Protein backbone atom coordinates (compact mmCIF):
# COMPACT_ATOMS: atom_id res chain seq x y z
CA MET A 1 -73.05 -27.64 -44.81
CA HIS A 2 -70.52 -30.43 -45.00
CA ASP A 3 -70.82 -34.05 -43.84
CA ILE A 4 -68.17 -34.79 -41.23
CA ASN A 5 -68.32 -38.49 -42.11
CA ALA A 6 -67.50 -37.71 -45.74
CA ILE A 7 -64.58 -35.58 -44.55
CA ARG A 8 -63.37 -38.47 -42.38
CA ASN A 9 -63.61 -40.88 -45.30
CA ASP A 10 -61.55 -38.69 -47.64
CA PRO A 11 -59.87 -35.76 -45.86
CA GLU A 12 -57.43 -35.18 -48.72
CA ALA A 13 -60.24 -34.58 -51.22
CA PHE A 14 -61.95 -32.18 -48.81
CA ASP A 15 -58.78 -30.15 -48.30
CA ALA A 16 -58.14 -30.12 -52.05
CA GLY A 17 -61.60 -28.62 -52.51
CA LEU A 18 -60.83 -25.86 -50.03
CA GLU A 19 -57.48 -25.22 -51.70
CA LYS A 20 -59.34 -24.59 -54.96
CA ARG A 21 -61.01 -21.69 -53.15
CA LYS A 22 -57.62 -20.50 -51.85
CA LEU A 23 -58.46 -21.65 -48.30
CA GLU A 24 -56.21 -23.51 -45.87
CA ALA A 25 -56.71 -27.21 -45.12
CA GLN A 26 -59.29 -27.80 -42.40
CA SER A 27 -59.78 -31.56 -42.21
CA ALA A 28 -57.28 -32.15 -39.39
CA VAL A 29 -58.89 -29.49 -37.16
CA LEU A 30 -62.41 -30.70 -37.94
CA LEU A 31 -61.60 -34.35 -37.34
CA ALA A 32 -59.83 -33.53 -34.06
CA LYS A 33 -62.96 -31.70 -32.90
CA ASP A 34 -65.10 -34.64 -33.99
CA ASP A 35 -62.80 -37.07 -32.15
CA ALA A 36 -63.26 -35.02 -28.98
CA ARG A 37 -67.03 -35.02 -29.51
CA ARG A 38 -67.08 -38.78 -29.99
CA ALA A 39 -64.96 -39.28 -26.87
CA ALA A 40 -67.40 -37.15 -24.88
CA ILE A 41 -70.29 -39.28 -26.17
CA ALA A 42 -68.45 -42.44 -25.09
CA VAL A 43 -67.86 -41.00 -21.60
CA ALA A 44 -71.53 -40.05 -21.28
CA GLN A 45 -72.62 -43.51 -22.41
CA GLU A 46 -70.33 -45.14 -19.85
CA PHE A 47 -71.75 -42.99 -17.03
CA GLN A 48 -75.27 -43.87 -18.22
CA THR A 49 -74.44 -47.59 -18.17
CA GLN A 50 -72.99 -47.35 -14.65
CA ARG A 51 -76.03 -45.39 -13.47
CA ASN A 52 -78.43 -47.97 -14.91
CA GLN A 53 -76.54 -50.83 -13.26
CA ALA A 54 -76.45 -49.08 -9.89
CA SER A 55 -80.17 -48.27 -10.10
CA LYS A 56 -80.99 -51.96 -10.60
CA LYS A 57 -78.90 -52.92 -7.57
CA ILE A 58 -80.85 -50.49 -5.35
CA GLY A 59 -83.98 -52.58 -5.72
CA GLN A 60 -82.06 -55.77 -5.06
CA ALA A 61 -80.49 -54.33 -1.88
CA LYS A 62 -83.85 -53.16 -0.58
CA GLY A 63 -85.34 -56.56 -1.32
CA GLN A 64 -82.64 -58.17 0.78
CA GLY A 65 -83.18 -55.67 3.62
CA ASP A 66 -79.73 -54.16 3.22
CA ASP A 67 -80.65 -50.51 3.79
CA ALA A 68 -77.03 -49.41 4.16
CA GLU A 69 -76.13 -50.79 0.74
CA ALA A 70 -79.25 -49.26 -0.78
CA GLN A 71 -78.31 -45.86 0.64
CA ARG A 72 -74.77 -46.18 -0.66
CA LEU A 73 -76.10 -47.04 -4.12
CA LEU A 74 -78.50 -44.07 -4.02
CA GLU A 75 -75.57 -41.75 -3.32
CA GLU A 76 -73.58 -43.43 -6.12
CA VAL A 77 -76.46 -42.89 -8.57
CA ALA A 78 -76.71 -39.23 -7.57
CA GLY A 79 -72.98 -38.78 -8.21
CA LEU A 80 -73.24 -40.57 -11.55
CA LYS A 81 -76.17 -38.30 -12.51
CA ASP A 82 -73.99 -35.21 -11.97
CA SER A 83 -71.12 -36.77 -13.92
CA LEU A 84 -73.51 -37.73 -16.74
CA GLN A 85 -74.89 -34.19 -16.95
CA GLN A 86 -71.38 -32.74 -17.12
CA ALA A 87 -70.40 -35.20 -19.85
CA GLU A 88 -73.56 -34.38 -21.85
CA GLU A 89 -72.88 -30.66 -21.53
CA THR A 90 -69.35 -31.23 -22.79
CA GLU A 91 -70.68 -33.22 -25.74
CA ARG A 92 -73.28 -30.54 -26.60
CA GLY A 93 -70.62 -27.84 -26.49
CA LEU A 94 -68.27 -29.80 -28.76
CA SER A 95 -71.12 -30.64 -31.15
CA GLN A 96 -72.06 -26.96 -31.42
CA GLU A 97 -68.44 -25.98 -31.99
CA LEU A 98 -68.13 -28.58 -34.77
CA HIS A 99 -71.44 -27.46 -36.27
CA ASP A 100 -70.31 -23.82 -36.31
CA MET A 101 -66.98 -24.73 -37.89
CA LEU A 102 -68.67 -26.73 -40.65
CA ALA A 103 -71.30 -24.01 -41.19
CA GLY A 104 -68.59 -21.43 -41.79
CA LEU A 105 -66.94 -23.32 -44.66
CA PRO A 106 -68.00 -22.82 -48.31
CA ASN A 107 -69.32 -25.53 -50.57
CA THR A 108 -66.98 -27.82 -52.48
CA LEU A 109 -66.54 -26.82 -56.11
CA MET A 110 -67.18 -29.23 -58.96
CA ASP A 111 -64.18 -30.56 -60.85
CA ASP A 112 -64.95 -28.62 -64.04
CA VAL A 113 -64.98 -25.20 -62.33
CA PRO A 114 -62.04 -23.28 -63.84
CA LEU A 115 -59.35 -22.01 -61.52
CA GLY A 116 -59.09 -18.26 -61.10
CA ALA A 117 -58.72 -15.42 -58.65
CA ASP A 118 -61.75 -13.23 -59.38
CA GLU A 119 -64.32 -12.25 -62.02
CA SER A 120 -61.56 -11.32 -64.46
CA ASP A 121 -60.80 -15.06 -64.75
CA ASN A 122 -64.38 -16.12 -65.55
CA VAL A 123 -64.74 -18.06 -68.81
CA GLU A 124 -67.02 -16.86 -71.60
CA LEU A 125 -68.97 -19.83 -72.99
CA ARG A 126 -71.17 -18.26 -75.66
CA LYS A 127 -72.75 -15.05 -76.95
CA HIS A 128 -76.18 -14.40 -78.39
CA GLY A 129 -77.34 -11.42 -80.41
CA THR A 130 -75.54 -8.38 -81.76
CA PRO A 131 -74.57 -5.66 -79.28
CA LYS A 132 -76.09 -2.29 -80.17
CA PRO A 133 -74.24 1.01 -79.97
CA GLY A 134 -75.48 3.60 -77.52
CA GLU A 135 -74.58 6.88 -75.91
CA LYS A 136 -76.82 7.37 -72.89
CA GLU A 137 -77.13 5.28 -69.75
CA HIS A 138 -80.53 4.29 -68.44
CA PHE A 139 -80.72 6.98 -65.77
CA GLU A 140 -80.13 9.65 -68.42
CA ILE A 141 -82.83 8.13 -70.60
CA GLY A 142 -85.24 7.49 -67.76
CA GLU A 143 -85.30 10.97 -66.29
CA ALA A 144 -87.77 12.14 -68.96
CA LEU A 145 -89.84 8.95 -68.70
CA GLY A 146 -90.67 8.81 -64.99
CA MET A 147 -87.50 7.50 -63.32
CA ASP A 148 -87.19 9.61 -60.16
CA PHE A 149 -84.18 9.26 -57.89
CA GLU A 150 -84.66 12.63 -56.20
CA THR A 151 -88.03 11.73 -54.69
CA ALA A 152 -86.73 8.30 -53.73
CA ALA A 153 -83.78 9.89 -51.92
CA ALA A 154 -86.14 12.18 -50.01
CA LEU A 155 -88.22 9.18 -49.00
CA SER A 156 -85.54 6.60 -48.27
CA GLY A 157 -82.04 7.83 -49.07
CA ALA A 158 -79.51 6.69 -51.65
CA ARG A 159 -79.89 3.53 -53.76
CA PHE A 160 -83.67 3.71 -54.13
CA VAL A 161 -85.84 4.69 -57.11
CA VAL A 162 -89.40 5.80 -57.80
CA LEU A 163 -90.86 4.76 -61.16
CA ARG A 164 -93.87 6.68 -62.44
CA ASP A 165 -96.68 6.05 -64.90
CA GLN A 166 -95.76 4.03 -68.00
CA LEU A 167 -92.28 3.22 -66.72
CA ALA A 168 -93.84 1.59 -63.67
CA ARG A 169 -96.19 -0.27 -65.99
CA LEU A 170 -93.25 -1.45 -68.10
CA GLU A 171 -91.53 -2.84 -65.02
CA ARG A 172 -94.72 -4.69 -64.09
CA ALA A 173 -95.05 -5.97 -67.65
CA LEU A 174 -91.54 -7.41 -67.55
CA GLY A 175 -92.22 -9.29 -64.32
CA ASN A 176 -95.53 -10.66 -65.57
CA PHE A 177 -93.97 -11.75 -68.86
CA MET A 178 -91.19 -13.60 -67.04
CA LEU A 179 -93.59 -15.37 -64.68
CA ASP A 180 -95.92 -16.44 -67.48
CA LEU A 181 -93.01 -17.80 -69.52
CA HIS A 182 -91.58 -19.84 -66.66
CA VAL A 183 -94.95 -21.16 -65.52
CA GLN A 184 -96.66 -21.81 -68.85
CA GLU A 185 -93.72 -23.05 -70.91
CA PHE A 186 -91.12 -24.31 -68.45
CA GLY A 187 -93.34 -25.92 -65.82
CA TYR A 188 -92.47 -23.84 -62.77
CA THR A 189 -95.08 -23.46 -60.04
CA GLU A 190 -95.75 -19.84 -59.18
CA MET A 191 -95.57 -18.97 -55.50
CA SER A 192 -96.45 -15.96 -53.38
CA VAL A 193 -94.08 -15.96 -50.42
CA PRO A 194 -93.14 -13.79 -47.41
CA VAL A 195 -90.28 -11.33 -47.57
CA LEU A 196 -89.76 -11.53 -43.80
CA VAL A 197 -88.15 -14.73 -42.47
CA ARG A 198 -86.60 -16.15 -39.32
CA ASP A 199 -82.98 -17.05 -38.63
CA ALA A 200 -83.50 -20.72 -39.51
CA ALA A 201 -84.56 -19.92 -43.05
CA MET A 202 -81.58 -17.65 -43.54
CA PHE A 203 -79.25 -20.34 -42.24
CA GLY A 204 -80.82 -22.93 -44.54
CA THR A 205 -79.83 -21.05 -47.67
CA ASN A 206 -76.49 -19.96 -46.19
CA GLN A 207 -77.10 -16.22 -45.77
CA LEU A 208 -76.38 -16.79 -42.08
CA PRO A 209 -74.10 -16.64 -40.28
CA LYS A 210 -71.52 -15.42 -42.79
CA PHE A 211 -73.45 -12.75 -44.71
CA SER A 212 -75.53 -11.00 -42.06
CA GLU A 213 -74.00 -7.63 -42.96
CA ASP A 214 -75.47 -7.90 -46.45
CA MET A 215 -79.01 -8.13 -45.06
CA PHE A 216 -81.58 -5.86 -43.42
CA ARG A 217 -83.09 -6.95 -40.09
CA THR A 218 -86.16 -5.67 -38.29
CA HIS A 219 -86.32 -4.77 -34.60
CA GLU A 220 -88.54 -7.83 -34.11
CA GLY A 221 -85.77 -10.13 -35.34
CA PHE A 222 -87.09 -10.89 -38.81
CA TRP A 223 -84.81 -10.67 -41.84
CA LEU A 224 -85.84 -9.00 -45.09
CA THR A 225 -85.10 -11.48 -47.85
CA SER A 226 -82.42 -10.59 -50.37
CA THR A 227 -83.92 -13.07 -52.84
CA SER A 228 -86.94 -15.38 -52.87
CA GLU A 229 -84.45 -18.24 -53.19
CA ILE A 230 -84.55 -18.14 -49.39
CA THR A 231 -88.28 -18.69 -49.03
CA LEU A 232 -88.77 -20.96 -52.06
CA THR A 233 -85.93 -23.31 -51.10
CA ASN A 234 -86.97 -23.44 -47.45
CA THR A 235 -90.46 -24.65 -48.35
CA VAL A 236 -89.02 -28.19 -48.09
CA ARG A 237 -87.04 -27.67 -44.88
CA GLU A 238 -87.46 -30.35 -42.18
CA GLN A 239 -89.44 -32.48 -44.65
CA ILE A 240 -89.03 -35.82 -46.39
CA THR A 241 -90.20 -35.62 -50.00
CA LYS A 242 -91.08 -38.65 -52.11
CA ALA A 243 -88.50 -39.15 -54.83
CA GLU A 244 -91.28 -39.49 -57.40
CA ASP A 245 -92.39 -35.93 -56.55
CA LEU A 246 -89.02 -34.55 -57.69
CA PRO A 247 -88.05 -32.31 -59.36
CA ILE A 248 -89.88 -29.47 -57.64
CA ARG A 249 -89.61 -26.27 -59.70
CA LEU A 250 -90.77 -23.03 -58.08
CA THR A 251 -90.84 -19.39 -59.16
CA ALA A 252 -91.83 -16.12 -57.51
CA GLN A 253 -91.53 -12.42 -58.12
CA THR A 254 -90.74 -10.53 -54.93
CA GLN A 255 -89.19 -7.35 -53.71
CA CYS A 256 -85.61 -8.05 -52.62
CA PHE A 257 -83.60 -6.13 -50.05
CA ARG A 258 -79.82 -5.86 -49.83
CA SER A 259 -77.67 -3.58 -47.72
CA GLU A 260 -74.96 -3.58 -50.42
CA ALA A 261 -72.29 -3.67 -47.72
CA GLY A 262 -68.90 -3.40 -49.31
CA SER A 263 -70.18 -1.81 -52.53
CA ALA A 264 -69.40 1.81 -51.63
CA GLY A 265 -68.56 3.76 -54.75
CA ARG A 266 -69.86 1.07 -57.12
CA ASP A 267 -72.83 1.83 -59.40
CA THR A 268 -73.84 4.80 -57.29
CA ARG A 269 -76.03 6.20 -60.06
CA GLY A 270 -79.04 4.47 -61.51
CA MET A 271 -80.80 1.17 -60.94
CA ILE A 272 -77.96 -1.34 -61.22
CA ARG A 273 -77.34 -1.67 -57.48
CA LEU A 274 -80.31 -0.75 -55.29
CA HIS A 275 -81.25 -1.54 -51.72
CA GLN A 276 -84.71 -2.62 -52.92
CA PHE A 277 -85.48 -4.22 -56.27
CA SER A 278 -87.80 -6.72 -57.94
CA LYS A 279 -86.64 -10.14 -59.10
CA VAL A 280 -88.20 -13.26 -60.57
CA GLU A 281 -86.45 -16.24 -58.97
CA LEU A 282 -86.21 -19.84 -60.16
CA VAL A 283 -85.61 -22.62 -57.62
CA SER A 284 -85.33 -26.36 -58.21
CA ILE A 285 -85.34 -29.19 -55.66
CA VAL A 286 -83.95 -32.38 -57.23
CA ASP A 287 -82.46 -35.76 -56.41
CA ALA A 288 -78.75 -36.50 -56.23
CA GLN A 289 -78.48 -37.57 -59.86
CA SER A 290 -80.28 -34.68 -61.57
CA GLY A 291 -78.42 -31.57 -60.43
CA GLU A 292 -76.09 -30.96 -63.37
CA ALA A 293 -78.78 -31.51 -66.00
CA GLU A 294 -81.14 -29.22 -64.08
CA LEU A 295 -78.47 -26.53 -64.00
CA GLU A 296 -78.20 -26.52 -67.78
CA ARG A 297 -82.00 -26.47 -68.10
CA LYS A 298 -82.33 -23.56 -65.70
CA VAL A 299 -79.75 -21.52 -67.61
CA GLN A 300 -81.73 -22.09 -70.80
CA CYS A 301 -84.93 -20.91 -69.09
CA ALA A 302 -83.25 -17.66 -68.08
CA GLU A 303 -81.68 -17.25 -71.51
CA GLU A 304 -85.07 -17.56 -73.18
CA VAL A 305 -86.27 -14.41 -71.43
CA LEU A 306 -83.41 -12.43 -72.98
CA LYS A 307 -83.90 -14.02 -76.39
CA ARG A 308 -87.58 -13.12 -76.53
CA LEU A 309 -86.85 -9.58 -75.42
CA GLY A 310 -84.31 -9.30 -78.22
CA LEU A 311 -81.45 -8.44 -75.89
CA ALA A 312 -77.86 -9.36 -76.68
CA TYR A 313 -76.14 -11.31 -73.91
CA ARG A 314 -73.38 -13.73 -73.08
CA VAL A 315 -73.04 -16.72 -70.76
CA VAL A 316 -69.96 -17.05 -68.58
CA GLN A 317 -68.87 -19.75 -66.18
CA LEU A 318 -67.58 -18.42 -62.89
CA CYS A 319 -64.05 -19.36 -61.85
CA SER A 320 -63.13 -20.79 -58.47
CA GLY A 321 -62.43 -17.36 -57.02
CA ASP A 322 -65.83 -15.97 -57.99
CA VAL A 323 -68.24 -18.82 -57.21
CA GLY A 324 -70.48 -17.97 -54.27
CA PHE A 325 -70.25 -19.51 -50.80
CA GLY A 326 -73.07 -22.04 -51.20
CA ALA A 327 -72.58 -23.02 -54.83
CA ARG A 328 -70.69 -25.87 -56.44
CA LYS A 329 -70.93 -24.40 -59.94
CA THR A 330 -72.34 -21.14 -61.30
CA TYR A 331 -73.17 -19.60 -64.67
CA ASP A 332 -73.79 -15.88 -65.06
CA LEU A 333 -75.90 -14.34 -67.80
CA GLU A 334 -74.65 -10.88 -68.72
CA VAL A 335 -76.83 -8.57 -70.80
CA TRP A 336 -75.44 -5.96 -73.17
CA LEU A 337 -75.88 -2.38 -71.98
CA PRO A 338 -75.15 0.07 -74.83
CA GLY A 339 -74.91 3.05 -72.48
CA GLN A 340 -72.07 1.40 -70.56
CA ASN A 341 -70.67 -0.30 -73.67
CA THR A 342 -70.30 -3.55 -71.76
CA TYR A 343 -72.04 -6.70 -70.55
CA ARG A 344 -73.49 -6.64 -67.01
CA GLU A 345 -74.78 -9.50 -64.88
CA ILE A 346 -78.53 -9.98 -65.05
CA SER A 347 -78.81 -13.55 -63.76
CA SER A 348 -76.67 -15.92 -61.72
CA VAL A 349 -77.63 -19.60 -61.87
CA SER A 350 -76.08 -22.00 -59.34
CA TYR A 351 -76.05 -25.67 -58.44
CA CYS A 352 -75.57 -26.20 -54.68
CA GLY A 353 -75.55 -30.00 -54.41
CA ASP A 354 -76.81 -31.14 -50.99
CA PHE A 355 -75.14 -28.20 -49.21
CA GLN A 356 -78.43 -26.41 -48.48
CA GLY A 357 -80.34 -29.67 -48.05
CA ARG A 358 -78.16 -30.51 -45.06
CA ARG A 359 -78.57 -27.06 -43.54
CA MET A 360 -82.36 -27.34 -43.90
CA ASN A 361 -82.53 -31.06 -43.02
CA ALA A 362 -84.52 -31.47 -46.23
CA ARG A 363 -84.52 -35.03 -47.49
CA TYR A 364 -86.14 -37.35 -50.02
CA ARG A 365 -86.83 -41.08 -50.02
CA ASP A 366 -86.84 -43.43 -52.98
CA GLU A 367 -89.89 -45.66 -53.29
CA GLY A 368 -89.51 -48.84 -51.26
CA GLU A 369 -86.45 -47.56 -49.38
CA LYS A 370 -86.23 -46.88 -45.64
CA SER A 371 -83.20 -44.62 -45.79
CA THR A 372 -83.30 -41.01 -46.96
CA GLN A 373 -80.94 -38.70 -48.82
CA PHE A 374 -80.56 -34.94 -48.66
CA VAL A 375 -82.16 -33.05 -51.53
CA HIS A 376 -80.03 -31.14 -54.01
CA THR A 377 -80.94 -27.52 -54.72
CA LEU A 378 -80.49 -25.01 -57.52
CA ASN A 379 -81.38 -21.34 -57.83
CA GLY A 380 -81.16 -18.58 -60.38
CA SER A 381 -82.68 -15.30 -61.48
CA GLY A 382 -85.14 -15.47 -64.28
CA LEU A 383 -84.52 -12.45 -64.34
CA ALA A 384 -83.67 -9.45 -62.17
CA VAL A 385 -86.57 -7.22 -63.24
CA GLY A 386 -84.93 -3.87 -62.54
CA ARG A 387 -81.79 -4.70 -64.49
CA THR A 388 -83.94 -6.02 -67.34
CA LEU A 389 -85.75 -2.69 -67.37
CA VAL A 390 -82.36 -0.99 -67.57
CA ALA A 391 -81.42 -3.17 -70.55
CA VAL A 392 -84.71 -2.49 -72.35
CA LEU A 393 -84.30 1.28 -71.90
CA GLU A 394 -80.76 1.34 -73.24
CA ASN A 395 -81.41 -1.07 -76.12
CA TYR A 396 -84.81 0.24 -77.24
CA VAL A 397 -84.37 4.01 -76.93
CA THR A 398 -85.03 6.01 -80.08
CA ALA A 399 -83.30 9.13 -81.31
CA ASP A 400 -85.99 11.33 -79.73
CA GLY A 401 -85.72 9.63 -76.33
CA ALA A 402 -88.80 7.42 -76.64
CA ILE A 403 -88.78 3.71 -75.80
CA THR A 404 -90.02 1.18 -78.31
CA ILE A 405 -91.83 -1.62 -76.44
CA PRO A 406 -90.46 -5.12 -77.27
CA ASP A 407 -93.06 -7.19 -79.13
CA VAL A 408 -93.43 -9.82 -76.39
CA LEU A 409 -94.44 -7.12 -73.91
CA LEU A 410 -97.20 -5.56 -76.03
CA PRO A 411 -99.97 -7.77 -74.55
CA TYR A 412 -98.86 -6.67 -71.05
CA MET A 413 -98.87 -3.00 -72.07
CA GLY A 414 -102.40 -3.00 -73.50
CA GLY A 415 -101.01 -2.80 -77.01
CA GLN A 416 -99.06 0.39 -76.30
CA LYS A 417 -96.05 0.42 -78.60
CA THR A 418 -93.96 3.29 -77.24
CA ILE A 419 -93.29 5.27 -74.10
CA GLU A 420 -92.85 8.91 -74.96
CA PRO A 421 -90.76 11.40 -72.99
CA LYS A 422 -92.65 13.88 -70.83
CA THR A 423 -92.69 17.35 -72.36
């Protein structure tokens, strides 16, 4: 959400930010709407002043025994009341229109975000590890290990999976390992949060109104969360946090639900793009000065998961044409998948500035200060558990189709070192 006062103070900079996203200038339209809103407020205030003055004169007229004047003033007050109500309705309508216009515009990109049209223009920053060769994709490997798409399709349709036995245990092990790492070594607070939320929460983290088609909604009006970023970030909505209590670092593993609207024909086989999947999310709530440093820290937290699993990966910075709606700057972690002979996204880590803080009305106050500021927010996967399982299968498969368990997962697997194919 943008600050109309900031737009008024520097409309050229605001329009330049939109241009970086290949959008037309909007400051003139927004400021004209705000001027109309301000004018409506002024009209309402003038009617209120006239009404107050006339109300005072009624008592004076009655005190002087001038009933005719008192009656005239009563009729004047009644007319002013109607005019005031109409002016207030006009102001509310203009305010809502301005709010909706601002809510529909993406966040302003940071100056160091590279220009580009789409993901092909993203900039590789660094690589880690040596990519392994491979022949089979995870769904070919997993069929003999307990990965069952046929049963899932009978239960739920396309883009679902059933994991059986030791493969299910391996998925659970991955999630537990990630949570323990982020909590015990990186200082995140583990949370257990709902996966059903109201409209306000979805608006706060900018899934609504623009991305409703990407979400699932119940008949009762709840939304199934596409990421626990929504719930974790909204834990500070409508609150004023003490500056000394920042940063707040939260993590949760939840089931995530996405309609995958617009992805027809993409990744139709396997676990890369499911309607339901598990993800460990990392959210940070910080002050206005700490966002960029926290972004770098969060990327390192996500990278450490891949390093300890022994998975080759690269870090890329998203270009202007690929940065998401609510982000100012984003890094993607892409893990090497031997079966596809390419890197695929496994985590996206974003700094949102105060964009979400404004939408949530989430603020903080420095010690000794009366005024407040909007919090700055960050989010990122640490990691997507299903895609990590995919990477482990493709990178740790043996010649006979077994899976060698990565060393860091052995304590979570009861010491079991391999998963053998079913005979």
